[in-house]
């Protein structure tokens, strides 16, 4: 079996952005972390975002789909961001698995 690795491309803007993470359909209480869409690296862990968590990171795009490389998380009901452990990614869309996952935060 041949595995091809790809270096991460440049981010969409390079700016740190904050997104509200929540399922838009279904009854899941949150969303598990996803692997790096370019390399397949990354880890899951039990610190996955619960609905209403705020994620801070940099947006990348692959094959027309946006993904957030997460640097910090603020779980719902807590105050202040904390760094994530390891490499954590979250796609903007979950398709039939919860619809849209990353939303513009409510002010």
Foldseek 3Di string as FASTA:
>chain_A
DDDDADDADDFPPPDKDKWFFDFQDDDDQGDWFAADPRGRDKDTDPPGAGHGKIFIATWHDDPRWIKGFGQWIDHPPGDDIDGDPITTMDTQADPVPRGGTTHHDDD
